[in-house]
Amino acid sequence: MSGLTEQIIEALKDKAIPEKALFFPRFFKTGPGEYGEGDLFLGVTVPVQRQIAKQFFKEISLEELTLLIQHPFHEVRLTGLLALVYRFEKTKSEPAQKELVDFYLSHLDHVNNWDLVDSSCHQILGNFYWKRDKELFYELADSGHLWRQRVAMISSLFWIKRGEFADALALAEKLKNHPHDLMHKGVGWMLREIGNRNFEVELKFLKKHYPTMPRTALRYAIEKFPEDLRQDFLKGRI
């Protein structure tokens, strides 16, 4: 392990909070059969991880980032991913960006919890593919792999924030009946983000699909609706 990698891990360990180390395994569902089964935690908060990532992202190599992103401790992986996001955001040339995108995609097996996905995919993949072909995201959506499917859905946040909804809606339609609650939340969240920018677009989608949507996805999607309209959807009066 490189000196810089060790320095980052030691910085994280130095900021570990024992109470958080006990709480996080329950919060991120690490028990047998749960979605985060077997994951390990130091007990470091996300703001501290962001601070450490910002401190080191300019000088860290991809080889050193690999050691972080493949690390058994959750916070080390997230800190590595945050450093990769900061690196990508400061990278302007297309070939250098593509190198970082390929690096990210080659490490998707270690982007293996919802916070790891949500803190990295739209800033890297969503950003790079904003004006490019979106086939990758439909392949991820069809992968049958929870975290890759969530990557597909949450990556659309970058496009949604720029007023482009077509692929986000298509992915939401494809993934809305996914068997896992975490995908229901992801789909509902992206639909809500669309509605924050264009209420009529979200409303049109929901009027067509809400009878077959899981309750969790629907609740997330209509969270900011006027209460009377929200109740109409919940009670099937649309």
C-alpha atoms as a PDB file:
ATOM      1  CA  MET A   1       0.000   0.000   0.000  1.00  0.00           C
ATOM      2  CA  SER A   2       1.347   3.422  -0.984  1.00  0.00           C
ATOM      3  CA  GLY A   3       2.315   6.100   1.488  1.00  0.00           C
ATOM      4  CA  LEU A   4      -0.451   8.429   0.287  1.00  0.00           C
ATOM      5  CA  THR A   5      -3.084   5.716   0.580  1.00  0.00           C
ATOM      6  CA  GLU A   6      -1.937   4.905   4.084  1.00  0.00           C
ATOM      7  CA  GLN A   7      -1.998   8.611   4.935  1.00  0.00           C
ATOM      8  CA  ILE A   8      -5.615   8.901   3.819  1.00  0.00           C
ATOM      9  CA  ILE A   9      -6.703   5.800   5.722  1.00  0.00           C
ATOM     10  CA  GLU A  10      -4.931   7.012   8.858  1.00  0.00           C
ATOM     11  CA  ALA A  11      -6.616  10.407   8.497  1.00  0.00           C
ATOM     12  CA  LEU A  12      -9.982   8.636   8.344  1.00  0.00           C
ATOM     13  CA  LYS A  13      -9.215   6.433  11.320  1.00  0.00           C
ATOM     14  CA  ASP A  14      -8.145   9.502  13.283  1.00  0.00           C
ATOM     15  CA  LYS A  15     -11.622  11.010  12.743  1.00  0.00           C
ATOM     16  CA  ALA A  16     -13.555   7.828  13.538  1.00  0.00           C
ATOM     17  CA  ILE A  17     -16.384   8.107  16.063  1.00  0.00           C
ATOM     18  CA  PRO A  18     -17.006   4.834  17.952  1.00  0.00           C
ATOM     19  CA  GLU A  19     -20.751   5.495  18.251  1.00  0.00           C
ATOM     20  CA  LYS A  20     -21.006   5.963  14.487  1.00  0.00           C
ATOM     21  CA  ALA A  21     -19.061   2.757  13.915  1.00  0.00           C
ATOM     22  CA  LEU A  22     -21.783   0.947  15.869  1.00  0.00           C
ATOM     23  CA  PHE A  23     -24.663   2.777  14.195  1.00  0.00           C
ATOM     24  CA  PHE A  24     -23.625   2.653  10.529  1.00  0.00           C
ATOM     25  CA  PRO A  25     -23.795  -1.154  10.113  1.00  0.00           C
ATOM     26  CA  ARG A  26     -27.456  -1.055  11.154  1.00  0.00           C
ATOM     27  CA  PHE A  27     -28.214   2.016   9.015  1.00  0.00           C
ATOM     28  CA  PHE A  28     -26.608   0.521   5.907  1.00  0.00           C
ATOM     29  CA  LYS A  29     -28.154  -2.927   6.436  1.00  0.00           C
ATOM     30  CA  THR A  30     -25.054  -5.098   6.788  1.00  0.00           C
ATOM     31  CA  GLY A  31     -26.708  -8.111   8.401  1.00  0.00           C
ATOM     32  CA  PRO A  32     -27.035 -11.564   6.799  1.00  0.00           C
ATOM     33  CA  GLY A  33     -29.174 -11.354   3.667  1.00  0.00           C
ATOM     34  CA  GLU A  34     -29.381  -7.555   3.758  1.00  0.00           C
ATOM     35  CA  TYR A  35     -28.238  -5.354   0.881  1.00  0.00           C
ATOM     36  CA  GLY A  36     -25.009  -4.283   2.616  1.00  0.00           C
ATOM     37  CA  GLU A  37     -24.186  -7.691   4.048  1.00  0.00           C
ATOM     38  CA  GLY A  38     -20.691  -7.900   5.523  1.00  0.00           C
ATOM     39  CA  ASP A  39     -19.697  -4.262   4.970  1.00  0.00           C
ATOM     40  CA  LEU A  40     -17.326  -2.728   7.532  1.00  0.00           C
ATOM     41  CA  PHE A  41     -17.346   0.780   9.010  1.00  0.00           C
ATOM     42  CA  LEU A  42     -14.837   2.989  10.767  1.00  0.00           C
ATOM     43  CA  GLY A  43     -17.413   5.511  11.978  1.00  0.00           C
ATOM     44  CA  VAL A  44     -16.425   8.588   9.924  1.00  0.00           C
ATOM     45  CA  THR A  45     -19.003  11.180   8.861  1.00  0.00           C
ATOM     46  CA  VAL A  46     -19.447  12.185   5.223  1.00  0.00           C
ATOM     47  CA  PRO A  47     -18.379  15.848   5.713  1.00  0.00           C
ATOM     48  CA  VAL A  48     -15.050  14.616   7.103  1.00  0.00           C
ATOM     49  CA  GLN A  49     -14.646  12.224   4.169  1.00  0.00           C
ATOM     50  CA  ARG A  50     -15.293  15.081   1.743  1.00  0.00           C
ATOM     51  CA  GLN A  51     -12.714  17.223   3.491  1.00  0.00           C
ATOM     52  CA  ILE A  52     -10.077  14.493   3.278  1.00  0.00           C
ATOM     53  CA  ALA A  53     -10.928  13.725  -0.358  1.00  0.00           C
ATOM     54  CA  LYS A  54     -10.563  17.412  -1.274  1.00  0.00           C
ATOM     55  CA  GLN A  55      -7.212  17.510   0.480  1.00  0.00           C
ATOM     56  CA  PHE A  56      -5.723  14.665  -1.563  1.00  0.00           C
ATOM     57  CA  PHE A  57      -7.575  14.364  -4.897  1.00  0.00           C
ATOM     58  CA  LYS A  58      -5.121  16.429  -6.959  1.00  0.00           C
ATOM     59  CA  GLU A  59      -2.068  14.342  -6.131  1.00  0.00           C
ATOM     60  CA  ILE A  60      -3.490  10.838  -5.779  1.00  0.00           C
ATOM     61  CA  SER A  61      -2.851   8.395  -8.630  1.00  0.00           C
ATOM     62  CA  LEU A  62      -5.377   6.027 -10.152  1.00  0.00           C
ATOM     63  CA  GLU A  63      -3.409   3.125  -8.693  1.00  0.00           C
ATOM     64  CA  GLU A  64      -3.806   4.657  -5.236  1.00  0.00           C
ATOM     65  CA  LEU A  65      -7.497   5.337  -5.871  1.00  0.00           C
ATOM     66  CA  THR A  66      -7.925   1.666  -6.734  1.00  0.00           C
ATOM     67  CA  LEU A  67      -6.595   0.718  -3.312  1.00  0.00           C
ATOM     68  CA  LEU A  68      -9.110   3.049  -1.678  1.00  0.00           C
ATOM     69  CA  ILE A  69     -12.135   2.086  -3.787  1.00  0.00           C
ATOM     70  CA  GLN A  70     -11.454  -1.635  -3.271  1.00  0.00           C
ATOM     71  CA  HIS A  71     -10.881  -1.252   0.473  1.00  0.00           C
ATOM     72  CA  PRO A  72     -13.044  -3.329   2.856  1.00  0.00           C
ATOM     73  CA  PHE A  73     -14.039  -0.281   4.939  1.00  0.00           C
ATOM     74  CA  HIS A  74     -17.006   1.618   3.572  1.00  0.00           C
ATOM     75  CA  GLU A  75     -15.703   5.093   4.392  1.00  0.00           C
ATOM     76  CA  VAL A  76     -12.398   4.413   2.645  1.00  0.00           C
ATOM     77  CA  ARG A  77     -14.274   3.403  -0.517  1.00  0.00           C
ATOM     78  CA  LEU A  78     -16.473   6.486  -0.363  1.00  0.00           C
ATOM     79  CA  THR A  79     -13.504   8.785   0.212  1.00  0.00           C
ATOM     80  CA  GLY A  80     -11.822   7.288  -2.851  1.00  0.00           C
ATOM     81  CA  LEU A  81     -14.963   7.800  -4.931  1.00  0.00           C
ATOM     82  CA  LEU A  82     -15.316  11.388  -3.729  1.00  0.00           C
ATOM     83  CA  ALA A  83     -11.693  12.048  -4.681  1.00  0.00           C
ATOM     84  CA  LEU A  84     -12.454  10.599  -8.128  1.00  0.00           C
ATOM     85  CA  VAL A  85     -15.469  12.920  -8.466  1.00  0.00           C
ATOM     86  CA  TYR A  86     -13.370  15.955  -7.556  1.00  0.00           C
ATOM     87  CA  ARG A  87     -10.689  14.852 -10.012  1.00  0.00           C
ATOM     88  CA  PHE A  88     -13.267  14.432 -12.783  1.00  0.00           C
ATOM     89  CA  GLU A  89     -14.828  17.839 -12.129  1.00  0.00           C
ATOM     90  CA  LYS A  90     -11.410  19.491 -12.519  1.00  0.00           C
ATOM     91  CA  THR A  91     -10.530  17.519 -15.666  1.00  0.00           C
ATOM     92  CA  LYS A  92     -11.304  19.355 -18.889  1.00  0.00           C
ATOM     93  CA  SER A  93      -9.888  17.285 -21.763  1.00  0.00           C
ATOM     94  CA  GLU A  94     -12.159  14.608 -23.213  1.00  0.00           C
ATOM     95  CA  PRO A  95      -9.490  11.847 -23.308  1.00  0.00           C
ATOM     96  CA  ALA A  96      -8.601  12.451 -19.649  1.00  0.00           C
ATOM     97  CA  GLN A  97     -12.278  12.455 -18.680  1.00  0.00           C
ATOM     98  CA  LYS A  98     -12.838   9.223 -20.610  1.00  0.00           C
ATOM     99  CA  GLU A  99      -9.953   7.629 -18.718  1.00  0.00           C
ATOM    100  CA  LEU A 100     -11.647   8.493 -15.431  1.00  0.00           C
ATOM    101  CA  VAL A 101     -15.022   7.244 -16.698  1.00  0.00           C
ATOM    102  CA  ASP A 102     -13.496   3.921 -17.741  1.00  0.00           C
ATOM    103  CA  PHE A 103     -11.731   3.703 -14.397  1.00  0.00           C
ATOM    104  CA  TYR A 104     -15.033   4.269 -12.584  1.00  0.00           C
ATOM    105  CA  LEU A 105     -16.862   1.682 -14.679  1.00  0.00           C
ATOM    106  CA  SER A 106     -14.101  -0.872 -14.054  1.00  0.00           C
ATOM    107  CA  HIS A 107     -14.654  -0.450 -10.292  1.00  0.00           C
ATOM    108  CA  LEU A 108     -18.467  -0.680 -10.223  1.00  0.00           C
ATOM    109  CA  ASP A 109     -18.312  -3.904  -8.214  1.00  0.00           C
ATOM    110  CA  HIS A 110     -17.038  -1.793  -5.310  1.00  0.00           C
ATOM    111  CA  VAL A 111     -19.685   0.928  -5.711  1.00  0.00           C
ATOM    112  CA  ASN A 112     -21.864  -1.330  -3.646  1.00  0.00           C
ATOM    113  CA  ASN A 113     -24.218   0.671  -1.480  1.00  0.00           C
ATOM    114  CA  TRP A 114     -26.713   3.419  -2.187  1.00  0.00           C
ATOM    115  CA  ASP A 115     -24.599   6.245  -0.780  1.00  0.00           C
ATOM    116  CA  LEU A 116     -21.577   5.174  -2.827  1.00  0.00           C
ATOM    117  CA  VAL A 117     -23.748   5.192  -5.947  1.00  0.00           C
ATOM    118  CA  ASP A 118     -25.506   8.466  -5.171  1.00  0.00           C
ATOM    119  CA  SER A 119     -22.295  10.327  -4.321  1.00  0.00           C
ATOM    120  CA  SER A 120     -20.513   9.492  -7.558  1.00  0.00           C
ATOM    121  CA  CYS A 121     -22.480   8.249 -10.569  1.00  0.00           C
ATOM    122  CA  HIS A 122     -24.312  11.364 -11.727  1.00  0.00           C
ATOM    123  CA  GLN A 123     -21.236  13.565 -11.261  1.00  0.00           C
ATOM    124  CA  ILE A 124     -19.086  11.222 -13.364  1.00  0.00           C
ATOM    125  CA  LEU A 125     -21.230   9.124 -15.706  1.00  0.00           C
ATOM    126  CA  GLY A 126     -24.187  11.478 -15.909  1.00  0.00           C
ATOM    127  CA  ASN A 127     -21.842  14.375 -16.597  1.00  0.00           C
ATOM    128  CA  PHE A 128     -19.709  12.649 -19.245  1.00  0.00           C
ATOM    129  CA  TYR A 129     -22.652  11.144 -21.137  1.00  0.00           C
ATOM    130  CA  TRP A 130     -24.897  14.217 -20.957  1.00  0.00           C
ATOM    131  CA  LYS A 131     -24.532  14.982 -24.661  1.00  0.00           C
ATOM    132  CA  ARG A 132     -23.549  11.452 -25.688  1.00  0.00           C
ATOM    133  CA  ASP A 133     -25.343   8.206 -26.482  1.00  0.00           C
ATOM    134  CA  LYS A 134     -27.074   6.775 -23.405  1.00  0.00           C
ATOM    135  CA  GLU A 135     -26.944   3.076 -24.354  1.00  0.00           C
ATOM    136  CA  LEU A 136     -24.686   2.357 -21.350  1.00  0.00           C
ATOM    137  CA  PHE A 137     -27.448   3.275 -18.919  1.00  0.00           C
ATOM    138  CA  TYR A 138     -30.010   0.980 -20.509  1.00  0.00           C
ATOM    139  CA  GLU A 139     -27.459  -1.841 -20.376  1.00  0.00           C
ATOM    140  CA  LEU A 140     -26.921  -1.141 -16.681  1.00  0.00           C
ATOM    141  CA  ALA A 141     -30.680  -0.993 -16.141  1.00  0.00           C
ATOM    142  CA  ASP A 142     -31.022  -4.442 -17.773  1.00  0.00           C
ATOM    143  CA  SER A 143     -28.103  -5.921 -15.814  1.00  0.00           C
ATOM    144  CA  GLY A 144     -30.202  -7.455 -13.040  1.00  0.00           C
ATOM    145  CA  HIS A 145     -27.675  -6.051 -10.542  1.00  0.00           C
ATOM    146  CA  LEU A 146     -29.158  -3.719  -7.911  1.00  0.00           C
ATOM    147  CA  TRP A 147     -26.294  -1.251  -7.643  1.00  0.00           C
ATOM    148  CA  ARG A 148     -25.663  -1.042 -11.384  1.00  0.00           C
ATOM    149  CA  GLN A 149     -29.367  -0.456 -11.916  1.00  0.00           C
ATOM    150  CA  ARG A 150     -29.332   2.293  -9.316  1.00  0.00           C
ATOM    151  CA  VAL A 151     -26.289   3.790 -11.089  1.00  0.00           C
ATOM    152  CA  ALA A 152     -28.363   3.871 -14.281  1.00  0.00           C
ATOM    153  CA  MET A 153     -31.262   5.646 -12.587  1.00  0.00           C
ATOM    154  CA  ILE A 154     -29.365   8.122 -10.407  1.00  0.00           C
ATOM    155  CA  SER A 155     -26.974   9.097 -13.201  1.00  0.00           C
ATOM    156  CA  SER A 156     -29.969  10.767 -14.840  1.00  0.00           C
ATOM    157  CA  LEU A 157     -29.963  13.410 -12.092  1.00  0.00           C
ATOM    158  CA  PHE A 158     -27.277  15.288 -14.031  1.00  0.00           C
ATOM    159  CA  TRP A 159     -29.545  15.503 -17.108  1.00  0.00           C
ATOM    160  CA  ILE A 160     -32.639  16.298 -15.078  1.00  0.00           C
ATOM    161  CA  LYS A 161     -30.887  19.288 -13.481  1.00  0.00           C
ATOM    162  CA  ARG A 162     -30.282  20.589 -17.004  1.00  0.00           C
ATOM    163  CA  GLY A 163     -33.902  20.222 -18.069  1.00  0.00           C
ATOM    164  CA  GLU A 164     -33.511  17.035 -20.108  1.00  0.00           C
ATOM    165  CA  PHE A 165     -35.979  14.382 -18.976  1.00  0.00           C
ATOM    166  CA  ALA A 166     -36.475  11.859 -21.788  1.00  0.00           C
ATOM    167  CA  ASP A 167     -33.880   9.280 -20.754  1.00  0.00           C
ATOM    168  CA  ALA A 168     -34.685   9.700 -17.067  1.00  0.00           C
ATOM    169  CA  LEU A 169     -38.346   8.960 -17.791  1.00  0.00           C
ATOM    170  CA  ALA A 170     -37.466   5.975 -19.971  1.00  0.00           C
ATOM    171  CA  LEU A 171     -35.222   4.555 -17.245  1.00  0.00           C
ATOM    172  CA  ALA A 172     -37.887   5.207 -14.619  1.00  0.00           C
ATOM    173  CA  GLU A 173     -40.426   3.306 -16.706  1.00  0.00           C
ATOM    174  CA  LYS A 174     -37.996   0.425 -17.142  1.00  0.00           C
ATOM    175  CA  LEU A 175     -37.084   0.236 -13.442  1.00  0.00           C
ATOM    176  CA  LYS A 176     -40.278   1.322 -11.661  1.00  0.00           C
ATOM    177  CA  ASN A 177     -41.351  -2.244 -10.866  1.00  0.00           C
ATOM    178  CA  HIS A 178     -37.950  -3.440  -9.710  1.00  0.00           C
ATOM    179  CA  PRO A 179     -38.268  -5.897  -6.802  1.00  0.00           C
ATOM    180  CA  HIS A 180     -36.061  -3.907  -4.389  1.00  0.00           C
ATOM    181  CA  ASP A 181     -37.246  -1.009  -2.243  1.00  0.00           C
ATOM    182  CA  LEU A 182     -34.015   0.908  -2.880  1.00  0.00           C
ATOM    183  CA  MET A 183     -34.869   1.097  -6.568  1.00  0.00           C
ATOM    184  CA  HIS A 184     -38.405   2.241  -5.760  1.00  0.00           C
ATOM    185  CA  LYS A 185     -36.884   5.098  -3.775  1.00  0.00           C
ATOM    186  CA  GLY A 186     -34.430   5.929  -6.545  1.00  0.00           C
ATOM    187  CA  VAL A 187     -37.128   6.012  -9.224  1.00  0.00           C
ATOM    188  CA  GLY A 188     -39.443   8.110  -7.061  1.00  0.00           C
ATOM    189  CA  TRP A 189     -36.631  10.507  -6.216  1.00  0.00           C
ATOM    190  CA  MET A 190     -35.755  11.099  -9.881  1.00  0.00           C
ATOM    191  CA  LEU A 191     -39.424  11.629 -10.769  1.00  0.00           C
ATOM    192  CA  ARG A 192     -39.700  14.178  -7.956  1.00  0.00           C
ATOM    193  CA  GLU A 193     -36.594  15.946  -9.287  1.00  0.00           C
ATOM    194  CA  ILE A 194     -38.257  16.147 -12.705  1.00  0.00           C
ATOM    195  CA  GLY A 195     -41.399  17.568 -11.114  1.00  0.00           C
ATOM    196  CA  ASN A 196     -39.354  20.194  -9.292  1.00  0.00           C
ATOM    197  CA  ARG A 197     -38.394  21.538 -12.731  1.00  0.00           C
ATOM    198  CA  ASN A 198     -41.454  20.685 -14.810  1.00  0.00           C
ATOM    199  CA  PHE A 199     -44.501  19.645 -12.848  1.00  0.00           C
ATOM    200  CA  GLU A 200     -46.567  18.799 -15.926  1.00  0.00           C
ATOM    201  CA  VAL A 201     -43.973  16.324 -17.226  1.00  0.00           C
ATOM    202  CA  GLU A 202     -43.975  14.401 -13.956  1.00  0.00           C
ATOM    203  CA  LEU A 203     -47.764  14.576 -13.672  1.00  0.00           C
ATOM    204  CA  LYS A 204     -48.233  13.141 -17.163  1.00  0.00           C
ATOM    205  CA  PHE A 205     -45.883  10.237 -16.376  1.00  0.00           C
ATOM    206  CA  LEU A 206     -47.590   9.483 -13.060  1.00  0.00           C
ATOM    207  CA  LYS A 207     -51.109   9.591 -14.477  1.00  0.00           C
ATOM    208  CA  LYS A 208     -50.069   6.848 -16.890  1.00  0.00           C
ATOM    209  CA  HIS A 209     -48.007   4.706 -14.546  1.00  0.00           C
ATOM    210  CA  TYR A 210     -49.086   5.253 -10.947  1.00  0.00           C
ATOM    211  CA  PRO A 211     -51.595   2.357 -10.824  1.00  0.00           C
ATOM    212  CA  THR A 212     -48.730  -0.107 -11.364  1.00  0.00           C
ATOM    213  CA  MET A 213     -46.039   1.698  -9.378  1.00  0.00           C
ATOM    214  CA  PRO A 214     -44.871   0.378  -6.007  1.00  0.00           C
ATOM    215  CA  ARG A 215     -46.210   2.468  -3.128  1.00  0.00           C
ATOM    216  CA  THR A 216     -42.746   3.624  -2.066  1.00  0.00           C
ATOM    217  CA  ALA A 217     -41.883   4.932  -5.536  1.00  0.00           C
ATOM    218  CA  LEU A 218     -45.187   6.775  -5.721  1.00  0.00           C
ATOM    219  CA  ARG A 219     -44.794   8.336  -2.277  1.00  0.00           C
ATOM    220  CA  TYR A 220     -41.321   9.596  -3.124  1.00  0.00           C
ATOM    221  CA  ALA A 221     -42.518  10.964  -6.463  1.00  0.00           C
ATOM    222  CA  ILE A 222     -45.487  12.919  -5.049  1.00  0.00           C
ATOM    223  CA  GLU A 223     -43.855  14.068  -1.825  1.00  0.00           C
ATOM    224  CA  LYS A 224     -44.060  17.764  -2.794  1.00  0.00           C
ATOM    225  CA  PHE A 225     -47.459  17.654  -4.483  1.00  0.00           C
ATOM    226  CA  PRO A 226     -50.332  19.717  -3.066  1.00  0.00           C
ATOM    227  CA  GLU A 227     -51.927  17.617  -0.341  1.00  0.00           C
ATOM    228  CA  ASP A 228     -55.248  17.148  -2.103  1.00  0.00           C
ATOM    229  CA  LEU A 229     -53.550  15.925  -5.289  1.00  0.00           C
ATOM    230  CA  ARG A 230     -51.202  13.727  -3.263  1.00  0.00           C
ATOM    231  CA  GLN A 231     -54.178  12.068  -1.594  1.00  0.00           C
ATOM    232  CA  ASP A 232     -55.895  11.591  -4.955  1.00  0.00           C
ATOM    233  CA  PHE A 233     -52.897   9.618  -6.171  1.00  0.00           C
ATOM    234  CA  LEU A 234     -52.588   7.604  -2.965  1.00  0.00           C
ATOM    235  CA  LYS A 235     -56.265   6.717  -2.999  1.00  0.00           C
ATOM    236  CA  GLY A 236     -56.433   5.993  -6.723  1.00  0.00           C
ATOM    237  CA  ARG A 237     -58.775   8.843  -7.580  1.00  0.00           C
ATOM    238  CA  ILE A 238     -56.807  10.153 -10.596  1.00  0.00           C
END
